[in-house]
Amino acid sequence: MYVKEVLVQNKAGLHARPATFFIQKANEYKSSIWVEKDERKVNAKSLLGVLSLGIIGGTNVKIFADGPDETDAVEGLVDLINTGFAE
């Protein structure tokens, strides 16, 4: 299992459009991936799960992955968050 914490850069956080980009990126990987906020963990490949966390800008989240491409999955999602979703 590979885990990394990241600060959500964009002001609006993971609302519908950025969350969709996040889910699409997560689905590129074979590993099981989760995102955690305030000790609540959801499937990173589930739009409703990610939206249910209510992640706003300036929030720290943890991304977990377990599987054959776990490191690439976590690093890819962290990089996506660090871009601020081009907002």
PDB file of N, CA and C in Angstrom:
ATOM      1  N   MET A   1       0.846  -1.181   0.000  1.00  0.00           N
ATOM      2  CA  MET A   1       0.000   0.000   0.000  1.00  0.00           C
ATOM      3  C   MET A   1       0.888   1.239   0.000  1.00  0.00           C
ATOM      4  N   TYR A   2       0.476   2.230  -0.779  1.00  0.00           N
ATOM      5  CA  TYR A   2       1.204   3.491  -0.893  1.00  0.00           C
ATOM      6  C   TYR A   2       0.250   4.615  -0.523  1.00  0.00           C
ATOM      7  N   VAL A   3       0.712   5.547   0.313  1.00  0.00           N
ATOM      8  CA  VAL A   3      -0.130   6.638   0.817  1.00  0.00           C
ATOM      9  C   VAL A   3       0.614   7.955   0.688  1.00  0.00           C
ATOM     10  N   LYS A   4      -0.125   9.008   0.356  1.00  0.00           N
ATOM     11  CA  LYS A   4       0.476  10.337   0.315  1.00  0.00           C
ATOM     12  C   LYS A   4      -0.592  11.367   0.676  1.00  0.00           C
ATOM     13  N   GLU A   5      -0.173  12.393   1.409  1.00  0.00           N
ATOM     14  CA  GLU A   5      -1.082  13.485   1.768  1.00  0.00           C
ATOM     15  C   GLU A   5      -0.814  14.657   0.842  1.00  0.00           C
ATOM     16  N   VAL A   6      -1.901  15.353   0.471  1.00  0.00           N
ATOM     17  CA  VAL A   6      -1.777  16.476  -0.459  1.00  0.00           C
ATOM     18  C   VAL A   6      -2.773  17.566  -0.065  1.00  0.00           C
ATOM     19  N   LEU A   7      -2.383  18.807  -0.309  1.00  0.00           N
ATOM     20  CA  LEU A   7      -3.239  19.964  -0.053  1.00  0.00           C
ATOM     21  C   LEU A   7      -3.996  20.295  -1.336  1.00  0.00           C
ATOM     22  N   VAL A   8      -5.321  20.378  -1.261  1.00  0.00           N
ATOM     23  CA  VAL A   8      -6.137  20.725  -2.427  1.00  0.00           C
ATOM     24  C   VAL A   8      -5.910  22.201  -2.723  1.00  0.00           C
ATOM     25  N   GLN A   9      -5.405  22.497  -3.922  1.00  0.00           N
ATOM     26  CA  GLN A   9      -4.964  23.833  -4.288  1.00  0.00           C
ATOM     27  C   GLN A   9      -6.081  24.757  -4.759  1.00  0.00           C
ATOM     28  N   ASN A  10      -7.006  24.235  -5.575  1.00  0.00           N
ATOM     29  CA  ASN A  10      -8.009  25.139  -6.151  1.00  0.00           C
ATOM     30  C   ASN A  10      -9.029  25.571  -5.101  1.00  0.00           C
ATOM     31  N   LYS A  11      -9.513  26.800  -5.232  1.00  0.00           N
ATOM     32  CA  LYS A  11     -10.382  27.394  -4.212  1.00  0.00           C
ATOM     33  C   LYS A  11     -11.691  26.646  -4.033  1.00  0.00           C
ATOM     34  N   ALA A  12     -12.261  26.163  -5.122  1.00  0.00           N
ATOM     35  CA  ALA A  12     -13.567  25.500  -5.037  1.00  0.00           C
ATOM     36  C   ALA A  12     -13.459  24.060  -4.533  1.00  0.00           C
ATOM     37  N   GLY A  13     -12.264  23.516  -4.531  1.00  0.00           N
ATOM     38  CA  GLY A  13     -12.087  22.138  -4.067  1.00  0.00           C
ATOM     39  C   GLY A  13     -12.504  21.126  -5.110  1.00  0.00           C
ATOM     40  N   LEU A  14     -12.913  19.954  -4.645  1.00  0.00           N
ATOM     41  CA  LEU A  14     -13.318  18.891  -5.562  1.00  0.00           C
ATOM     42  C   LEU A  14     -14.833  18.924  -5.754  1.00  0.00           C
ATOM     43  N   HIS A  15     -15.322  19.973  -6.414  1.00  0.00           N
ATOM     44  CA  HIS A  15     -16.733  20.018  -6.780  1.00  0.00           C
ATOM     45  C   HIS A  15     -16.911  19.197  -8.055  1.00  0.00           C
ATOM     46  N   ALA A  16     -18.053  19.264  -8.694  1.00  0.00           N
ATOM     47  CA  ALA A  16     -18.409  18.343  -9.776  1.00  0.00           C
ATOM     48  C   ALA A  16     -17.368  18.209 -10.894  1.00  0.00           C
ATOM     49  N   ARG A  17     -16.915  19.313 -11.477  1.00  0.00           N
ATOM     50  CA  ARG A  17     -16.001  19.201 -12.624  1.00  0.00           C
ATOM     51  C   ARG A  17     -14.638  18.654 -12.224  1.00  0.00           C
ATOM     52  N   PRO A  18     -13.963  19.218 -11.201  1.00  0.00           N
ATOM     53  CA  PRO A  18     -12.675  18.640 -10.815  1.00  0.00           C
ATOM     54  C   PRO A  18     -12.807  17.211 -10.285  1.00  0.00           C
ATOM     55  N   ALA A  19     -13.900  16.924  -9.609  1.00  0.00           N
ATOM     56  CA  ALA A  19     -14.100  15.559  -9.098  1.00  0.00           C
ATOM     57  C   ALA A  19     -14.213  14.580 -10.264  1.00  0.00           C
ATOM     58  N   THR A  20     -14.854  15.005 -11.342  1.00  0.00           N
ATOM     59  CA  THR A  20     -14.967  14.151 -12.527  1.00  0.00           C
ATOM     60  C   THR A  20     -13.588  13.876 -13.115  1.00  0.00           C
ATOM     61  N   PHE A  21     -12.747  14.904 -13.219  1.00  0.00           N
ATOM     62  CA  PHE A  21     -11.375  14.698 -13.703  1.00  0.00           C
ATOM     63  C   PHE A  21     -10.615  13.743 -12.787  1.00  0.00           C
ATOM     64  N   PHE A  22     -10.812  13.909 -11.481  1.00  0.00           N
ATOM     65  CA  PHE A  22     -10.142  13.064 -10.483  1.00  0.00           C
ATOM     66  C   PHE A  22     -10.559  11.602 -10.661  1.00  0.00           C
ATOM     67  N   ILE A  23     -11.856  11.345 -10.829  1.00  0.00           N
ATOM     68  CA  ILE A  23     -12.385   9.993 -10.999  1.00  0.00           C
ATOM     69  C   ILE A  23     -11.844   9.379 -12.293  1.00  0.00           C
ATOM     70  N   GLN A  24     -11.856  10.165 -13.366  1.00  0.00           N
ATOM     71  CA  GLN A  24     -11.353   9.661 -14.649  1.00  0.00           C
ATOM     72  C   GLN A  24      -9.891   9.247 -14.527  1.00  0.00           C
ATOM     73  N   LYS A  25      -9.096  10.067 -13.844  1.00  0.00           N
ATOM     74  CA  LYS A  25      -7.681   9.748 -13.650  1.00  0.00           C
ATOM     75  C   LYS A  25      -7.544   8.487 -12.797  1.00  0.00           C
ATOM     76  N   ALA A  26      -8.317   8.386 -11.731  1.00  0.00           N
ATOM     77  CA  ALA A  26      -8.249   7.210 -10.849  1.00  0.00           C
ATOM     78  C   ALA A  26      -8.589   5.934 -11.612  1.00  0.00           C
ATOM     79  N   ASN A  27      -9.521   6.021 -12.531  1.00  0.00           N
ATOM     80  CA  ASN A  27      -9.938   4.845 -13.299  1.00  0.00           C
ATOM     81  C   ASN A  27      -8.915   4.403 -14.340  1.00  0.00           C
ATOM     82  N   GLU A  28      -7.868   5.186 -14.543  1.00  0.00           N
ATOM     83  CA  GLU A  28      -6.789   4.784 -15.455  1.00  0.00           C
ATOM     84  C   GLU A  28      -5.887   3.718 -14.828  1.00  0.00           C
ATOM     85  N   TYR A  29      -6.018   3.513 -13.526  1.00  0.00           N
ATOM     86  CA  TYR A  29      -5.135   2.604 -12.806  1.00  0.00           C
ATOM     87  C   TYR A  29      -5.861   1.336 -12.383  1.00  0.00           C
ATOM     88  N   LYS A  30      -5.100   0.241 -12.287  1.00  0.00           N
ATOM     89  CA  LYS A  30      -5.658  -1.053 -11.881  1.00  0.00           C
ATOM     90  C   LYS A  30      -5.799  -1.168 -10.367  1.00  0.00           C
ATOM     91  N   SER A  31      -5.004  -0.433  -9.633  1.00  0.00           N
ATOM     92  CA  SER A  31      -5.004  -0.511  -8.168  1.00  0.00           C
ATOM     93  C   SER A  31      -6.327  -0.043  -7.582  1.00  0.00           C
ATOM     94  N   SER A  32      -6.611  -0.531  -6.378  1.00  0.00           N
ATOM     95  CA  SER A  32      -7.717   0.014  -5.593  1.00  0.00           C
ATOM     96  C   SER A  32      -7.236   1.329  -5.004  1.00  0.00           C
ATOM     97  N   ILE A  33      -8.041   2.378  -5.127  1.00  0.00           N
ATOM     98  CA  ILE A  33      -7.620   3.715  -4.687  1.00  0.00           C
ATOM     99  C   ILE A  33      -8.701   4.310  -3.795  1.00  0.00           C
ATOM    100  N   TRP A  34      -8.263   4.939  -2.711  1.00  0.00           N
ATOM    101  CA  TRP A  34      -9.181   5.606  -1.792  1.00  0.00           C
ATOM    102  C   TRP A  34      -8.687   7.020  -1.515  1.00  0.00           C
ATOM    103  N   VAL A  35      -9.604   7.887  -1.188  1.00  0.00           N
ATOM    104  CA  VAL A  35      -9.258   9.240  -0.759  1.00  0.00           C
ATOM    105  C   VAL A  35      -9.880   9.427   0.626  1.00  0.00           C
ATOM    106  N   GLU A  36      -9.118  10.059   1.520  1.00  0.00           N
ATOM    107  CA  GLU A  36      -9.565  10.216   2.902  1.00  0.00           C
ATOM    108  C   GLU A  36      -9.506  11.675   3.326  1.00  0.00           C
ATOM    109  N   LYS A  37     -10.580  12.119   3.977  1.00  0.00           N
ATOM    110  CA  LYS A  37     -10.644  13.454   4.577  1.00  0.00           C
ATOM    111  C   LYS A  37     -11.253  13.290   5.961  1.00  0.00           C
ATOM    112  N   ASP A  38     -10.596  13.849   6.956  1.00  0.00           N
ATOM    113  CA  ASP A  38     -11.095  13.773   8.332  1.00  0.00           C
ATOM    114  C   ASP A  38     -11.451  12.349   8.744  1.00  0.00           C
ATOM    115  N   GLU A  39     -10.570  11.417   8.450  1.00  0.00           N
ATOM    116  CA  GLU A  39     -10.714  10.002   8.820  1.00  0.00           C
ATOM    117  C   GLU A  39     -11.916   9.316   8.179  1.00  0.00           C
ATOM    118  N   ARG A  40     -12.469   9.903   7.127  1.00  0.00           N
ATOM    119  CA  ARG A  40     -13.534   9.265   6.353  1.00  0.00           C
ATOM    120  C   ARG A  40     -12.959   8.904   4.996  1.00  0.00           C
ATOM    121  N   LYS A  41     -12.954   7.626   4.675  1.00  0.00           N
ATOM    122  CA  LYS A  41     -12.309   7.131   3.464  1.00  0.00           C
ATOM    123  C   LYS A  41     -13.361   6.639   2.466  1.00  0.00           C
ATOM    124  N   VAL A  42     -13.205   7.054   1.196  1.00  0.00           N
ATOM    125  CA  VAL A  42     -14.123   6.623   0.139  1.00  0.00           C
ATOM    126  C   VAL A  42     -13.332   6.127  -1.066  1.00  0.00           C
ATOM    127  N   ASN A  43     -14.009   5.379  -1.908  1.00  0.00           N
ATOM    128  CA  ASN A  43     -13.429   4.880  -3.146  1.00  0.00           C
ATOM    129  C   ASN A  43     -13.149   6.066  -4.072  1.00  0.00           C
ATOM    130  N   ALA A  44     -11.909   6.219  -4.498  1.00  0.00           N
ATOM    131  CA  ALA A  44     -11.523   7.344  -5.361  1.00  0.00           C
ATOM    132  C   ALA A  44     -12.066   7.201  -6.773  1.00  0.00           C
ATOM    133  N   LYS A  45     -12.642   6.045  -7.093  1.00  0.00           N
ATOM    134  CA  LYS A  45     -13.203   5.822  -8.420  1.00  0.00           C
ATOM    135  C   LYS A  45     -14.714   6.044  -8.431  1.00  0.00           C
ATOM    136  N   SER A  46     -15.253   6.525  -7.321  1.00  0.00           N
ATOM    137  CA  SER A  46     -16.693   6.763  -7.183  1.00  0.00           C
ATOM    138  C   SER A  46     -16.967   8.260  -7.096  1.00  0.00           C
ATOM    139  N   LEU A  47     -17.691   8.789  -8.077  1.00  0.00           N
ATOM    140  CA  LEU A  47     -17.998  10.218  -8.085  1.00  0.00           C
ATOM    141  C   LEU A  47     -18.810  10.607  -6.850  1.00  0.00           C
ATOM    142  N   LEU A  48     -19.837   9.844  -6.528  1.00  0.00           N
ATOM    143  CA  LEU A  48     -20.644  10.175  -5.357  1.00  0.00           C
ATOM    144  C   LEU A  48     -19.829  10.095  -4.076  1.00  0.00           C
ATOM    145  N   GLY A  49     -18.937   9.116  -4.003  1.00  0.00           N
ATOM    146  CA  GLY A  49     -18.090   8.989  -2.822  1.00  0.00           C
ATOM    147  C   GLY A  49     -17.195  10.200  -2.645  1.00  0.00           C
ATOM    148  N   VAL A  50     -16.530  10.608  -3.713  1.00  0.00           N
ATOM    149  CA  VAL A  50     -15.619  11.751  -3.646  1.00  0.00           C
ATOM    150  C   VAL A  50     -16.393  13.030  -3.331  1.00  0.00           C
ATOM    151  N   LEU A  51     -17.525  13.228  -3.994  1.00  0.00           N
ATOM    152  CA  LEU A  51     -18.327  14.427  -3.732  1.00  0.00           C
ATOM    153  C   LEU A  51     -18.849  14.450  -2.299  1.00  0.00           C
ATOM    154  N   SER A  52     -19.145  13.264  -1.741  1.00  0.00           N
ATOM    155  CA  SER A  52     -19.697  13.199  -0.384  1.00  0.00           C
ATOM    156  C   SER A  52     -18.709  13.674   0.680  1.00  0.00           C
ATOM    157  N   LEU A  53     -17.415  13.707   0.349  1.00  0.00           N
ATOM    158  CA  LEU A  53     -16.420  14.182   1.315  1.00  0.00           C
ATOM    159  C   LEU A  53     -16.465  15.702   1.482  1.00  0.00           C
ATOM    160  N   GLY A  54     -17.037  16.406   0.515  1.00  0.00           N
ATOM    161  CA  GLY A  54     -17.122  17.868   0.617  1.00  0.00           C
ATOM    162  C   GLY A  54     -15.754  18.527   0.717  1.00  0.00           C
ATOM    163  N   ILE A  55     -14.848  18.123  -0.146  1.00  0.00           N
ATOM    164  CA  ILE A  55     -13.474  18.634  -0.118  1.00  0.00           C
ATOM    165  C   ILE A  55     -13.441  20.042  -0.710  1.00  0.00           C
ATOM    166  N   ILE A  56     -13.026  21.006   0.096  1.00  0.00           N
ATOM    167  CA  ILE A  56     -12.917  22.392  -0.355  1.00  0.00           C
ATOM    168  C   ILE A  56     -11.443  22.782  -0.467  1.00  0.00           C
ATOM    169  N   GLY A  57     -11.188  23.894  -1.120  1.00  0.00           N
ATOM    170  CA  GLY A  57      -9.819  24.380  -1.259  1.00  0.00           C
ATOM    171  C   GLY A  57      -9.159  24.589   0.090  1.00  0.00           C
ATOM    172  N   GLY A  58      -7.882  24.275   0.172  1.00  0.00           N
ATOM    173  CA  GLY A  58      -7.140  24.426   1.412  1.00  0.00           C
ATOM    174  C   GLY A  58      -7.252  23.234   2.347  1.00  0.00           C
ATOM    175  N   THR A  59      -7.904  22.173   1.897  1.00  0.00           N
ATOM    176  CA  THR A  59      -8.083  20.964   2.697  1.00  0.00           C
ATOM    177  C   THR A  59      -6.979  19.963   2.382  1.00  0.00           C
ATOM    178  N   ASN A  60      -6.449  19.311   3.406  1.00  0.00           N
ATOM    179  CA  ASN A  60      -5.512  18.214   3.207  1.00  0.00           C
ATOM    180  C   ASN A  60      -6.289  16.916   3.079  1.00  0.00           C
ATOM    181  N   VAL A  61      -5.936  16.126   2.082  1.00  0.00           N
ATOM    182  CA  VAL A  61      -6.528  14.803   1.909  1.00  0.00           C
ATOM    183  C   VAL A  61      -5.403  13.788   1.776  1.00  0.00           C
ATOM    184  N   LYS A  62      -5.714  12.546   2.101  1.00  0.00           N
ATOM    185  CA  LYS A  62      -4.769  11.450   1.904  1.00  0.00           C
ATOM    186  C   LYS A  62      -5.287  10.593   0.765  1.00  0.00           C
ATOM    187  N   ILE A  63      -4.362  10.160  -0.076  1.00  0.00           N
ATOM    188  CA  ILE A  63      -4.702   9.259  -1.168  1.00  0.00           C
ATOM    189  C   ILE A  63      -3.969   7.946  -0.910  1.00  0.00           C
ATOM    190  N   PHE A  64      -4.732   6.855  -0.917  1.00  0.00           N
ATOM    191  CA  PHE A  64      -4.204   5.518  -0.669  1.00  0.00           C
ATOM    192  C   PHE A  64      -4.384   4.685  -1.935  1.00  0.00           C
ATOM    193  N   ALA A  65      -3.431   3.831  -2.232  1.00  0.00           N
ATOM    194  CA  ALA A  65      -3.603   2.891  -3.339  1.00  0.00           C
ATOM    195  C   ALA A  65      -2.958   1.572  -2.955  1.00  0.00           C
ATOM    196  N   ASP A  66      -3.567   0.509  -3.438  1.00  0.00           N
ATOM    197  CA  ASP A  66      -3.054  -0.833  -3.183  1.00  0.00           C
ATOM    198  C   ASP A  66      -3.238  -1.645  -4.457  1.00  0.00           C
ATOM    199  N   GLY A  67      -2.130  -2.087  -5.028  1.00  0.00           N
ATOM    200  CA  GLY A  67      -2.216  -2.872  -6.249  1.00  0.00           C
ATOM    201  C   GLY A  67      -0.952  -2.770  -7.076  1.00  0.00           C
ATOM    202  N   PRO A  68      -1.006  -3.281  -8.297  1.00  0.00           N
ATOM    203  CA  PRO A  68       0.195  -3.369  -9.128  1.00  0.00           C
ATOM    204  C   PRO A  68       0.799  -2.023  -9.539  1.00  0.00           C
ATOM    205  N   ASP A  69      -0.023  -0.976  -9.608  1.00  0.00           N
ATOM    206  CA  ASP A  69       0.480   0.337 -10.023  1.00  0.00           C
ATOM    207  C   ASP A  69       0.187   1.396  -8.952  1.00  0.00           C
ATOM    208  N   GLU A  70       0.255   0.975  -7.685  1.00  0.00           N
ATOM    209  CA  GLU A  70      -0.138   1.851  -6.575  1.00  0.00           C
ATOM    210  C   GLU A  70       0.658   3.147  -6.509  1.00  0.00           C
ATOM    211  N   THR A  71       1.958   3.083  -6.701  1.00  0.00           N
ATOM    212  CA  THR A  71       2.782   4.290  -6.629  1.00  0.00           C
ATOM    213  C   THR A  71       2.426   5.258  -7.749  1.00  0.00           C
ATOM    214  N   ASP A  72       2.307   4.732  -8.958  1.00  0.00           N
ATOM    215  CA  ASP A  72       1.940   5.582 -10.096  1.00  0.00           C
ATOM    216  C   ASP A  72       0.558   6.197  -9.897  1.00  0.00           C
ATOM    217  N   ALA A  73      -0.366   5.423  -9.335  1.00  0.00           N
ATOM    218  CA  ALA A  73      -1.730   5.909  -9.112  1.00  0.00           C
ATOM    219  C   ALA A  73      -1.736   7.082  -8.144  1.00  0.00           C
ATOM    220  N   VAL A  74      -1.093   6.913  -7.006  1.00  0.00           N
ATOM    221  CA  VAL A  74      -1.077   7.983  -6.001  1.00  0.00           C
ATOM    222  C   VAL A  74      -0.359   9.210  -6.542  1.00  0.00           C
ATOM    223  N   GLU A  75       0.810   9.013  -7.130  1.00  0.00           N
ATOM    224  CA  GLU A  75       1.570  10.145  -7.651  1.00  0.00           C
ATOM    225  C   GLU A  75       0.815  10.867  -8.770  1.00  0.00           C
ATOM    226  N   GLY A  76       0.125  10.120  -9.635  1.00  0.00           N
ATOM    227  CA  GLY A  76      -0.652  10.725 -10.712  1.00  0.00           C
ATOM    228  C   GLY A  76      -1.793  11.577 -10.182  1.00  0.00           C
ATOM    229  N   LEU A  77      -2.477  11.088  -9.147  1.00  0.00           N
ATOM    230  CA  LEU A  77      -3.588  11.849  -8.561  1.00  0.00           C
ATOM    231  C   LEU A  77      -3.095  13.055  -7.771  1.00  0.00           C
ATOM    232  N   VAL A  78      -1.971  12.900  -7.088  1.00  0.00           N
ATOM    233  CA  VAL A  78      -1.377  14.034  -6.369  1.00  0.00           C
ATOM    234  C   VAL A  78      -0.970  15.120  -7.369  1.00  0.00           C
ATOM    235  N   ASP A  79      -0.360  14.718  -8.468  1.00  0.00           N
ATOM    236  CA  ASP A  79       0.023  15.691  -9.496  1.00  0.00           C
ATOM    237  C   ASP A  79      -1.205  16.418 -10.046  1.00  0.00           C
ATOM    238  N   LEU A  80      -2.297  15.689 -10.267  1.00  0.00           N
ATOM    239  CA  LEU A  80      -3.533  16.301 -10.769  1.00  0.00           C
ATOM    240  C   LEU A  80      -4.056  17.333  -9.770  1.00  0.00           C
ATOM    241  N   ILE A  81      -4.080  16.983  -8.506  1.00  0.00           N
ATOM    242  CA  ILE A  81      -4.548  17.926  -7.473  1.00  0.00           C
ATOM    243  C   ILE A  81      -3.634  19.143  -7.418  1.00  0.00           C
ATOM    244  N   ASN A  82      -2.333  18.922  -7.527  1.00  0.00           N
ATOM    245  CA  ASN A  82      -1.373  20.040  -7.447  1.00  0.00           C
ATOM    246  C   ASN A  82      -1.495  21.016  -8.611  1.00  0.00           C
ATOM    247  N   THR A  83      -2.067  20.581  -9.737  1.00  0.00           N
ATOM    248  CA  THR A  83      -2.272  21.502 -10.867  1.00  0.00           C
ATOM    249  C   THR A  83      -3.416  22.462 -10.594  1.00  0.00           C
ATOM    250  N   GLY A  84      -4.247  22.169  -9.579  1.00  0.00           N
ATOM    251  CA  GLY A  84      -5.411  23.007  -9.298  1.00  0.00           C
ATOM    252  C   GLY A  84      -6.524  22.803 -10.311  1.00  0.00           C
ATOM    253  N   PHE A  85      -6.452  21.722 -11.082  1.00  0.00           N
ATOM    254  CA  PHE A  85      -7.462  21.389 -12.085  1.00  0.00           C
ATOM    255  C   PHE A  85      -7.653  22.513 -13.092  1.00  0.00           C
ATOM    256  N   ALA A  86      -6.601  23.271 -13.338  1.00  0.00           N
ATOM    257  CA  ALA A  86      -6.596  24.364 -14.313  1.00  0.00           C
ATOM    258  C   ALA A  86      -7.690  25.394 -14.056  1.00  0.00           C
ATOM    259  N   GLU A  87      -7.971  25.642 -12.784  1.00  0.00           N
ATOM    260  CA  GLU A  87      -8.987  26.653 -12.448  1.00  0.00           C
ATOM    261  C   GLU A  87      -8.332  27.930 -11.990  1.00  0.00           C
TER     262      GLU A  87
END
